C-alpha atoms as a PDB file:
ATOM      1  CA  MET A   1       4.312 -25.642 -51.631  1.00  0.00           C
ATOM      2  CA  ALA A   2       1.767 -27.778 -53.600  1.00  0.00           C
ATOM      3  CA  GLU A   3       4.925 -30.284 -54.440  1.00  0.00           C
ATOM      4  CA  ASN A   4       6.047 -30.228 -50.488  1.00  0.00           C
ATOM      5  CA  VAL A   5       2.222 -31.129 -50.031  1.00  0.00           C
ATOM      6  CA  ARG A   6       2.152 -33.953 -52.512  1.00  0.00           C
ATOM      7  CA  ASN A   7       5.756 -35.088 -50.454  1.00  0.00           C
ATOM      8  CA  TRP A   8       3.550 -35.286 -47.098  1.00  0.00           C
ATOM      9  CA  LEU A   9       0.270 -36.858 -49.066  1.00  0.00           C
ATOM     10  CA  ARG A  10       2.756 -39.504 -49.936  1.00  0.00           C
ATOM     11  CA  LEU A  11       4.931 -39.774 -46.926  1.00  0.00           C
ATOM     12  CA  VAL A  12       2.731 -39.568 -43.949  1.00  0.00           C
ATOM     13  CA  SER A  13       1.600 -43.002 -43.435  1.00  0.00           C
ATOM     14  CA  THR A  14      -1.225 -42.631 -40.826  1.00  0.00           C
ATOM     15  CA  PRO A  15      -4.434 -40.747 -42.209  1.00  0.00           C
ATOM     16  CA  ALA A  16      -3.710 -37.012 -40.490  1.00  0.00           C
ATOM     17  CA  LEU A  17      -5.362 -33.575 -40.592  1.00  0.00           C
ATOM     18  CA  LEU A  18      -3.263 -31.198 -42.475  1.00  0.00           C
ATOM     19  CA  ASN A  19      -3.754 -27.787 -40.309  1.00  0.00           C
ATOM     20  CA  CYS A  20      -3.680 -24.719 -42.276  1.00  0.00           C
ATOM     21  CA  GLY A  21      -5.549 -22.497 -39.343  1.00  0.00           C
ATOM     22  CA  GLU A  22      -3.196 -22.619 -36.174  1.00  0.00           C
ATOM     23  CA  LEU A  23      -1.454 -19.467 -36.535  1.00  0.00           C
ATOM     24  CA  SER A  24      -3.590 -17.759 -39.116  1.00  0.00           C
ATOM     25  CA  ASP A  25      -7.019 -17.090 -40.487  1.00  0.00           C
ATOM     26  CA  SER A  26      -6.748 -20.078 -43.426  1.00  0.00           C
ATOM     27  CA  LEU A  27      -9.819 -18.065 -46.222  1.00  0.00           C
ATOM     28  CA  LEU A  28      -9.200 -14.519 -45.159  1.00  0.00           C
ATOM     29  CA  TYR A  29      -6.875 -14.194 -48.147  1.00  0.00           C
ATOM     30  CA  ASP A  30      -7.387 -17.678 -50.011  1.00  0.00           C
ATOM     31  CA  LYS A  31      -9.394 -15.921 -52.841  1.00  0.00           C
ATOM     32  CA  ALA A  32      -6.465 -14.165 -53.151  1.00  0.00           C
ATOM     33  CA  SER A  33      -3.683 -16.660 -52.527  1.00  0.00           C
ATOM     34  CA  ASN A  34      -5.924 -19.340 -54.430  1.00  0.00           C
ATOM     35  CA  HIS A  35      -3.944 -21.795 -52.023  1.00  0.00           C
ATOM     36  CA  SER A  36      -7.557 -23.963 -51.819  1.00  0.00           C
ATOM     37  CA  ARG A  37      -7.662 -24.007 -55.362  1.00  0.00           C
ATOM     38  CA  THR A  38      -3.923 -25.457 -55.736  1.00  0.00           C
ATOM     39  CA  LEU A  39      -4.672 -27.878 -52.644  1.00  0.00           C
ATOM     40  CA  PHE A  40      -8.149 -29.175 -52.440  1.00  0.00           C
ATOM     41  CA  PRO A  41      -8.104 -31.082 -55.200  1.00  0.00           C
ATOM     42  CA  LEU A  42      -4.781 -33.319 -54.002  1.00  0.00           C
ATOM     43  CA  PHE A  43      -6.927 -34.415 -51.108  1.00  0.00           C
ATOM     44  CA  GLU A  44      -9.630 -35.590 -53.140  1.00  0.00           C
ATOM     45  CA  GLY A  45      -7.717 -37.098 -55.986  1.00  0.00           C
ATOM     46  CA  PRO A  46      -5.892 -40.322 -56.358  1.00  0.00           C
ATOM     47  CA  GLU A  47      -2.883 -38.123 -55.261  1.00  0.00           C
ATOM     48  CA  ASN A  48      -4.377 -38.855 -51.446  1.00  0.00           C
ATOM     49  CA  PRO A  49      -4.418 -42.815 -51.518  1.00  0.00           C
ATOM     50  CA  MET A  50      -3.766 -42.744 -47.492  1.00  0.00           C
ATOM     51  CA  GLY A  51      -7.186 -40.597 -47.124  1.00  0.00           C
ATOM     52  CA  HIS A  52      -5.773 -37.535 -45.133  1.00  0.00           C
ATOM     53  CA  GLY A  53      -7.413 -34.473 -44.680  1.00  0.00           C
ATOM     54  CA  ILE A  54      -6.825 -30.566 -44.599  1.00  0.00           C
ATOM     55  CA  LEU A  55      -8.120 -27.959 -42.014  1.00  0.00           C
ATOM     56  CA  TYR A  56      -9.069 -24.100 -42.792  1.00  0.00           C
ATOM     57  CA  VAL A  57     -10.512 -22.434 -39.764  1.00  0.00           C
ATOM     58  CA  THR A  58     -11.852 -19.101 -40.085  1.00  0.00           C
ATOM     59  CA  LYS A  59     -13.716 -16.347 -39.209  1.00  0.00           C
ATOM     60  CA  ALA A  60     -14.235 -15.324 -42.538  1.00  0.00           C
ATOM     61  CA  THR A  61     -17.219 -15.806 -45.242  1.00  0.00           C
ATOM     62  CA  ASN A  62     -16.238 -14.931 -48.006  1.00  0.00           C
ATOM     63  CA  VAL A  63     -17.222 -18.509 -49.415  1.00  0.00           C
ATOM     64  CA  ALA A  64     -18.363 -18.146 -53.267  1.00  0.00           C
ATOM     65  CA  HIS A  65     -15.000 -19.450 -54.749  1.00  0.00           C
ATOM     66  CA  LEU A  66     -15.339 -22.547 -52.788  1.00  0.00           C
ATOM     67  CA  ILE A  67     -18.638 -23.320 -53.749  1.00  0.00           C
ATOM     68  CA  ALA A  68     -17.918 -22.808 -57.318  1.00  0.00           C
ATOM     69  CA  LEU A  69     -14.110 -24.905 -56.513  1.00  0.00           C
ATOM     70  CA  ALA A  70     -16.809 -27.783 -54.483  1.00  0.00           C
ATOM     71  CA  ASN A  71     -19.338 -28.122 -57.178  1.00  0.00           C
ATOM     72  CA  GLU A  72     -16.338 -28.748 -59.856  1.00  0.00           C
ATOM     73  CA  LEU A  73     -14.363 -31.593 -57.381  1.00  0.00           C
ATOM     74  CA  ARG A  74     -18.104 -33.217 -57.059  1.00  0.00           C
ATOM     75  CA  GLU A  75     -18.905 -33.026 -60.690  1.00  0.00           C
ATOM     76  CA  ARG A  76     -14.848 -34.930 -61.397  1.00  0.00           C
ATOM     77  CA  SER A  77     -15.104 -37.148 -58.457  1.00  0.00           C
ATOM     78  CA  GLY A  78     -19.020 -37.871 -58.701  1.00  0.00           C
ATOM     79  CA  ARG A  79     -19.620 -37.931 -55.209  1.00  0.00           C
ATOM     80  CA  ASP A  80     -21.905 -35.371 -53.245  1.00  0.00           C
ATOM     81  CA  ARG A  81     -19.665 -34.996 -50.457  1.00  0.00           C
ATOM     82  CA  LEU A  82     -16.431 -33.651 -49.999  1.00  0.00           C
ATOM     83  CA  SER A  83     -14.612 -36.308 -47.268  1.00  0.00           C
ATOM     84  CA  HIS A  84     -11.327 -34.808 -47.012  1.00  0.00           C
ATOM     85  CA  LEU A  85     -12.105 -30.574 -46.975  1.00  0.00           C
ATOM     86  CA  VAL A  86     -13.042 -29.810 -43.746  1.00  0.00           C
ATOM     87  CA  LEU A  87     -14.315 -26.162 -42.916  1.00  0.00           C
ATOM     88  CA  SER A  88     -13.892 -25.022 -39.331  1.00  0.00           C
ATOM     89  CA  TRP A  89     -15.472 -21.595 -38.242  1.00  0.00           C
ATOM     90  CA  SER A  90     -14.175 -19.880 -34.766  1.00  0.00           C
ATOM     91  CA  LEU A  91     -17.436 -18.601 -32.955  1.00  0.00           C
ATOM     92  CA  SER A  92     -18.298 -16.133 -30.032  1.00  0.00           C
ATOM     93  CA  PHE A  93     -21.350 -15.117 -28.591  1.00  0.00           C
ATOM     94  CA  ARG A  94     -22.849 -11.482 -29.740  1.00  0.00           C
ATOM     95  CA  ASP A  95     -21.271  -9.474 -26.727  1.00  0.00           C
ATOM     96  CA  ALA A  96     -17.800 -10.900 -26.782  1.00  0.00           C
ATOM     97  CA  ALA A  97     -17.645 -10.902 -30.685  1.00  0.00           C
ATOM     98  CA  ARG A  98     -18.076  -7.130 -30.413  1.00  0.00           C
ATOM     99  CA  ASP A  99     -15.589  -6.094 -27.919  1.00  0.00           C
ATOM    100  CA  TYR A 100     -12.957  -8.373 -28.808  1.00  0.00           C
ATOM    101  CA  GLU A 101     -13.282  -9.096 -33.044  1.00  0.00           C
ATOM    102  CA  SER A 102     -13.473  -5.776 -34.119  1.00  0.00           C
ATOM    103  CA  GLY A 103     -13.578  -5.806 -37.782  1.00  0.00           C
ATOM    104  CA  ALA A 104     -14.729  -9.307 -38.128  1.00  0.00           C
ATOM    105  CA  PRO A 105     -18.019 -10.784 -39.623  1.00  0.00           C
ATOM    106  CA  THR A 106     -20.885 -11.374 -37.201  1.00  0.00           C
ATOM    107  CA  SER A 107     -20.800 -15.120 -35.814  1.00  0.00           C
ATOM    108  CA  ALA A 108     -24.506 -15.048 -37.770  1.00  0.00           C
ATOM    109  CA  GLU A 109     -22.439 -14.058 -41.077  1.00  0.00           C
ATOM    110  CA  ARG A 110     -20.391 -17.111 -40.030  1.00  0.00           C
ATOM    111  CA  ILE A 111     -22.534 -19.608 -39.305  1.00  0.00           C
ATOM    112  CA  ARG A 112     -24.465 -18.967 -42.688  1.00  0.00           C
ATOM    113  CA  ALA A 113     -21.493 -19.339 -44.396  1.00  0.00           C
ATOM    114  CA  ALA A 114     -20.499 -22.539 -42.822  1.00  0.00           C
ATOM    115  CA  LYS A 115     -24.180 -23.724 -43.759  1.00  0.00           C
ATOM    116  CA  VAL A 116     -23.751 -22.620 -47.318  1.00  0.00           C
ATOM    117  CA  CYS A 117     -20.666 -24.927 -47.324  1.00  0.00           C
ATOM    118  CA  GLN A 118     -21.857 -27.583 -45.975  1.00  0.00           C
ATOM    119  CA  ASP A 119     -24.368 -27.829 -48.760  1.00  0.00           C
ATOM    120  CA  ALA A 120     -21.826 -27.576 -51.197  1.00  0.00           C
ATOM    121  CA  GLY A 121     -20.295 -30.434 -50.115  1.00  0.00           C
ATOM    122  CA  TYR A 122     -17.763 -29.889 -47.222  1.00  0.00           C
ATOM    123  CA  ARG A 123     -17.426 -31.087 -43.706  1.00  0.00           C
ATOM    124  CA  VAL A 124     -18.229 -28.290 -41.248  1.00  0.00           C
ATOM    125  CA  ARG A 125     -17.269 -28.060 -37.746  1.00  0.00           C
ATOM    126  CA  LEU A 126     -17.325 -25.596 -35.059  1.00  0.00           C
ATOM    127  CA  ARG A 127     -14.778 -23.912 -32.640  1.00  0.00           C
ATOM    128  CA  LEU A 128     -16.364 -22.193 -29.643  1.00  0.00           C
ATOM    129  CA  ALA A 129     -13.364 -20.511 -28.514  1.00  0.00           C
ATOM    130  CA  PRO A 130     -11.772 -18.404 -26.942  1.00  0.00           C
ATOM    131  CA  LEU A 131     -14.539 -19.296 -24.440  1.00  0.00           C
ATOM    132  CA  ILE A 132     -14.808 -15.836 -22.472  1.00  0.00           C
ATOM    133  CA  ALA A 133     -16.989 -15.846 -19.214  1.00  0.00           C
ATOM    134  CA  THR A 134     -17.677 -12.263 -19.139  1.00  0.00           C
ATOM    135  CA  ARG A 135     -21.712 -10.671 -18.227  1.00  0.00           C
ATOM    136  CA  GLY A 136     -24.190 -12.410 -19.685  1.00  0.00           C
ATOM    137  CA  TRP A 137     -22.148 -15.444 -21.209  1.00  0.00           C
ATOM    138  CA  GLN A 138     -24.357 -18.259 -20.643  1.00  0.00           C
ATOM    139  CA  ASN A 139     -27.221 -16.679 -21.963  1.00  0.00           C
ATOM    140  CA  GLY A 140     -25.210 -15.659 -25.303  1.00  0.00           C
ATOM    141  CA  TYR A 141     -23.647 -18.912 -25.747  1.00  0.00           C
ATOM    142  CA  ASP A 142     -27.279 -20.279 -25.835  1.00  0.00           C
ATOM    143  CA  GLN A 143     -28.184 -17.664 -28.232  1.00  0.00           C
ATOM    144  CA  LEU A 144     -25.389 -18.779 -30.325  1.00  0.00           C
ATOM    145  CA  VAL A 145     -26.294 -22.473 -30.106  1.00  0.00           C
ATOM    146  CA  ARG A 146     -29.978 -21.982 -30.960  1.00  0.00           C
ATOM    147  CA  GLN A 147     -28.782 -19.471 -34.455  1.00  0.00           C
ATOM    148  CA  VAL A 148     -26.755 -22.653 -35.631  1.00  0.00           C
ATOM    149  CA  GLU A 149     -29.717 -24.718 -34.915  1.00  0.00           C
ATOM    150  CA  GLY A 150     -32.065 -22.199 -36.798  1.00  0.00           C
ATOM    151  CA  GLU A 151     -30.140 -22.300 -39.802  1.00  0.00           C
ATOM    152  CA  GLY A 152     -29.843 -25.661 -40.540  1.00  0.00           C
ATOM    153  CA  LEU A 153     -26.417 -26.277 -39.428  1.00  0.00           C
ATOM    154  CA  VAL A 154     -25.186 -29.501 -38.270  1.00  0.00           C
ATOM    155  CA  PRO A 155     -21.531 -29.413 -37.276  1.00  0.00           C
ATOM    156  CA  GLU A 156     -19.556 -33.160 -37.502  1.00  0.00           C
ATOM    157  CA  ARG A 157     -17.851 -31.669 -34.441  1.00  0.00           C
ATOM    158  CA  TRP A 158     -18.066 -28.970 -31.728  1.00  0.00           C
ATOM    159  CA  THR A 159     -14.250 -28.316 -30.478  1.00  0.00           C
ATOM    160  CA  LEU A 160     -14.571 -26.015 -27.186  1.00  0.00           C
ATOM    161  CA  GLY A 161     -11.057 -23.807 -25.895  1.00  0.00           C
ATOM    162  CA  SER A 162     -10.813 -21.684 -23.561  1.00  0.00           C
ATOM    163  CA  LEU A 163      -8.786 -18.156 -23.310  1.00  0.00           C
ATOM    164  CA  ARG A 164      -4.943 -19.022 -23.487  1.00  0.00           C
ATOM    165  CA  LEU A 165      -2.336 -15.827 -24.025  1.00  0.00           C
ATOM    166  CA  LEU A 166       0.844 -15.332 -24.695  1.00  0.00           C
ATOM    167  CA  PRO A 167       2.936 -12.852 -22.484  1.00  0.00           C
ATOM    168  CA  GLY A 168       2.813 -10.166 -25.041  1.00  0.00           C
ATOM    169  CA  MET A 169      -1.278 -10.692 -25.925  1.00  0.00           C
ATOM    170  CA  GLN A 170      -1.698 -10.411 -21.942  1.00  0.00           C
ATOM    171  CA  VAL A 171       0.201  -6.930 -21.616  1.00  0.00           C
ATOM    172  CA  ALA A 172      -2.197  -5.740 -24.646  1.00  0.00           C
ATOM    173  CA  LEU A 173      -5.383  -7.387 -23.520  1.00  0.00           C
ATOM    174  CA  ALA A 174      -4.692  -5.409 -19.515  1.00  0.00           C
ATOM    175  CA  LYS A 175      -3.986  -2.226 -21.688  1.00  0.00           C
ATOM    176  CA  SER A 176      -7.136  -2.577 -23.664  1.00  0.00           C
ATOM    177  CA  ARG A 177     -10.501  -0.937 -22.672  1.00  0.00           C
ATOM    178  CA  HIS A 178     -12.063  -4.747 -22.801  1.00  0.00           C
ATOM    179  CA  SER A 179      -9.664  -5.853 -20.195  1.00  0.00           C
ATOM    180  CA  LEU A 180     -10.320  -8.922 -17.997  1.00  0.00           C
ATOM    181  CA  GLU A 181      -9.043  -7.569 -14.928  1.00  0.00           C
ATOM    182  CA  SER A 182     -11.013  -9.896 -12.891  1.00  0.00           C
ATOM    183  CA  ILE A 183      -9.164 -13.126 -13.640  1.00  0.00           C
ATOM    184  CA  GLU A 184      -6.662 -14.893 -11.771  1.00  0.00           C
ATOM    185  CA  TRP A 185      -4.974 -15.864 -14.512  1.00  0.00           C
ATOM    186  CA  THR A 186      -2.822 -19.343 -13.538  1.00  0.00           C
ATOM    187  CA  ALA A 187       0.052 -20.928 -16.473  1.00  0.00           C
ATOM    188  CA  ASP A 188      -0.796 -23.747 -18.512  1.00  0.00           C
ATOM    189  CA  PRO A 189       1.355 -26.619 -19.870  1.00  0.00           C
ATOM    190  CA  GLU A 190       2.754 -24.413 -22.723  1.00  0.00           C
ATOM    191  CA  ARG A 191       3.537 -21.655 -20.157  1.00  0.00           C
ATOM    192  CA  ARG A 192       0.741 -19.505 -21.761  1.00  0.00           C
ATOM    193  CA  ALA A 193      -1.596 -17.246 -19.222  1.00  0.00           C
ATOM    194  CA  ALA A 194      -4.448 -19.343 -18.729  1.00  0.00           C
ATOM    195  CA  ILE A 195      -7.956 -19.306 -16.875  1.00  0.00           C
ATOM    196  CA  PRO A 196      -8.495 -20.978 -13.809  1.00  0.00           C
ATOM    197  CA  ARG A 197      -9.111 -24.737 -14.010  1.00  0.00           C
ATOM    198  CA  ASP A 198     -12.024 -24.428 -11.968  1.00  0.00           C
ATOM    199  CA  LEU A 199     -13.578 -21.981 -14.027  1.00  0.00           C
ATOM    200  CA  ARG A 200     -12.596 -23.558 -16.889  1.00  0.00           C
ATOM    201  CA  VAL A 201     -14.503 -27.016 -16.199  1.00  0.00           C
ATOM    202  CA  HIS A 202     -17.460 -25.059 -15.337  1.00  0.00           C
ATOM    203  CA  THR A 203     -17.389 -23.255 -18.645  1.00  0.00           C
ATOM    204  CA  TYR A 204     -17.103 -26.708 -20.524  1.00  0.00           C
ATOM    205  CA  ARG A 205     -19.685 -28.085 -18.695  1.00  0.00           C
ATOM    206  CA  VAL A 206     -22.289 -25.730 -19.015  1.00  0.00           C
ATOM    207  CA  LEU A 207     -21.264 -25.575 -23.222  1.00  0.00           C
ATOM    208  CA  GLN A 208     -21.500 -29.016 -23.337  1.00  0.00           C
ATOM    209  CA  GLY A 209     -25.084 -28.735 -21.837  1.00  0.00           C
ATOM    210  CA  LEU A 210     -26.156 -25.989 -24.074  1.00  0.00           C
ATOM    211  CA  ILE A 211     -24.848 -27.719 -27.137  1.00  0.00           C
ATOM    212  CA  THR A 212     -26.437 -31.466 -26.247  1.00  0.00           C
ATOM    213  CA  ARG A 213     -29.786 -29.800 -25.484  1.00  0.00           C
ATOM    214  CA  ARG A 214     -30.343 -29.143 -29.345  1.00  0.00           C
ATOM    215  CA  PHE A 215     -28.172 -31.516 -30.876  1.00  0.00           C
ATOM    216  CA  PRO A 216     -28.016 -34.688 -28.759  1.00  0.00           C
ATOM    217  CA  ASP A 217     -25.698 -36.600 -31.209  1.00  0.00           C
ATOM    218  CA  ALA A 218     -22.997 -33.885 -31.048  1.00  0.00           C
ATOM    219  CA  GLU A 219     -19.638 -34.847 -31.022  1.00  0.00           C
ATOM    220  CA  ILE A 220     -17.441 -32.528 -29.091  1.00  0.00           C
ATOM    221  CA  GLY A 221     -13.745 -32.080 -28.008  1.00  0.00           C
ATOM    222  CA  ILE A 222     -12.300 -29.890 -25.829  1.00  0.00           C
ATOM    223  CA  CYS A 223      -8.607 -28.153 -27.453  1.00  0.00           C
ATOM    224  CA  LYS A 224      -5.311 -27.634 -25.426  1.00  0.00           C
ATOM    225  CA  GLU A 225      -6.446 -29.390 -21.849  1.00  0.00           C
ATOM    226  CA  THR A 226      -5.000 -31.422 -19.356  1.00  0.00           C
ATOM    227  CA  GLU A 227      -6.306 -35.207 -19.068  1.00  0.00           C
ATOM    228  CA  LEU A 228      -7.836 -33.935 -15.616  1.00  0.00           C
ATOM    229  CA  VAL A 229     -10.016 -31.260 -17.080  1.00  0.00           C
ATOM    230  CA  ARG A 230     -11.258 -33.742 -19.690  1.00  0.00           C
ATOM    231  CA  GLU A 231     -12.005 -36.196 -17.113  1.00  0.00           C
ATOM    232  CA  LEU A 232     -13.760 -33.274 -15.373  1.00  0.00           C
ATOM    233  CA  VAL A 233     -15.742 -32.180 -17.531  1.00  0.00           C
ATOM    234  CA  GLY A 234     -16.658 -36.253 -18.616  1.00  0.00           C
ATOM    235  CA  VAL A 235     -15.545 -35.604 -22.527  1.00  0.00           C
ATOM    236  CA  THR A 236     -13.642 -39.055 -23.044  1.00  0.00           C
ATOM    237  CA  GLY A 237     -10.841 -39.422 -25.825  1.00  0.00           C
ATOM    238  CA  PHE A 238      -8.772 -36.758 -27.696  1.00  0.00           C
ATOM    239  CA  ALA A 239     -11.355 -35.142 -30.359  1.00  0.00           C
ATOM    240  CA  CYS A 240     -10.261 -32.070 -31.092  1.00  0.00           C
ATOM    241  CA  ASN A 241     -10.714 -29.788 -34.206  1.00  0.00           C
ATOM    242  CA  CYS A 242      -7.357 -30.521 -35.424  1.00  0.00           C
ATOM    243  CA  GLN A 243      -7.520 -33.895 -35.733  1.00  0.00           C
ATOM    244  CA  LEU A 244      -8.910 -36.297 -38.650  1.00  0.00           C
END
């Protein structure tokens, strides 16, 4: 794996972000796999002349080994910040996390882990995804943003993402005790089941307002959305969690 990444660092001529969290939790088994100890030094060292980045996406909070690694890398480089290492936490408001993220750390625990990593020199981002507009969602997300502010965490980017389901996931959700029966699903450009556009735009606008009220300079992106939806929400450009 390390050799493949070295080749990628050498051959990709435009600065890019290597996404290690599209289909799985990057951090969950990282302490056992030692992937971060293998890969992070490549991105922070001379083998990365183009300035590529690596992205971990997670709900996990087992970060002690990352803090130790950050201390080593900062001492080696003589820099306070790890410019090419991006850690991103997915967050849901409390009731949604309770109903749909059984067994995962609470969002409050994830926020604290993110703050510890930011203090250690990592670049930290937050994903509010998948957005679930169930009962009490506006108040729930408001409390979530307040928690981020209260911990002193200032993410370099917030990314909003709507609920999108592959066919098998839609069947499983319909059978669960937390079925979202009231949603009239539509198809998105990737043929996944998606929340209707008007509701997506509404939730994005609400979240955008909640974030900018407490973080006026926040950079906000929307994940896997159409250009029309971006225009309706007022999010310019294509900043997203998986982009450098």
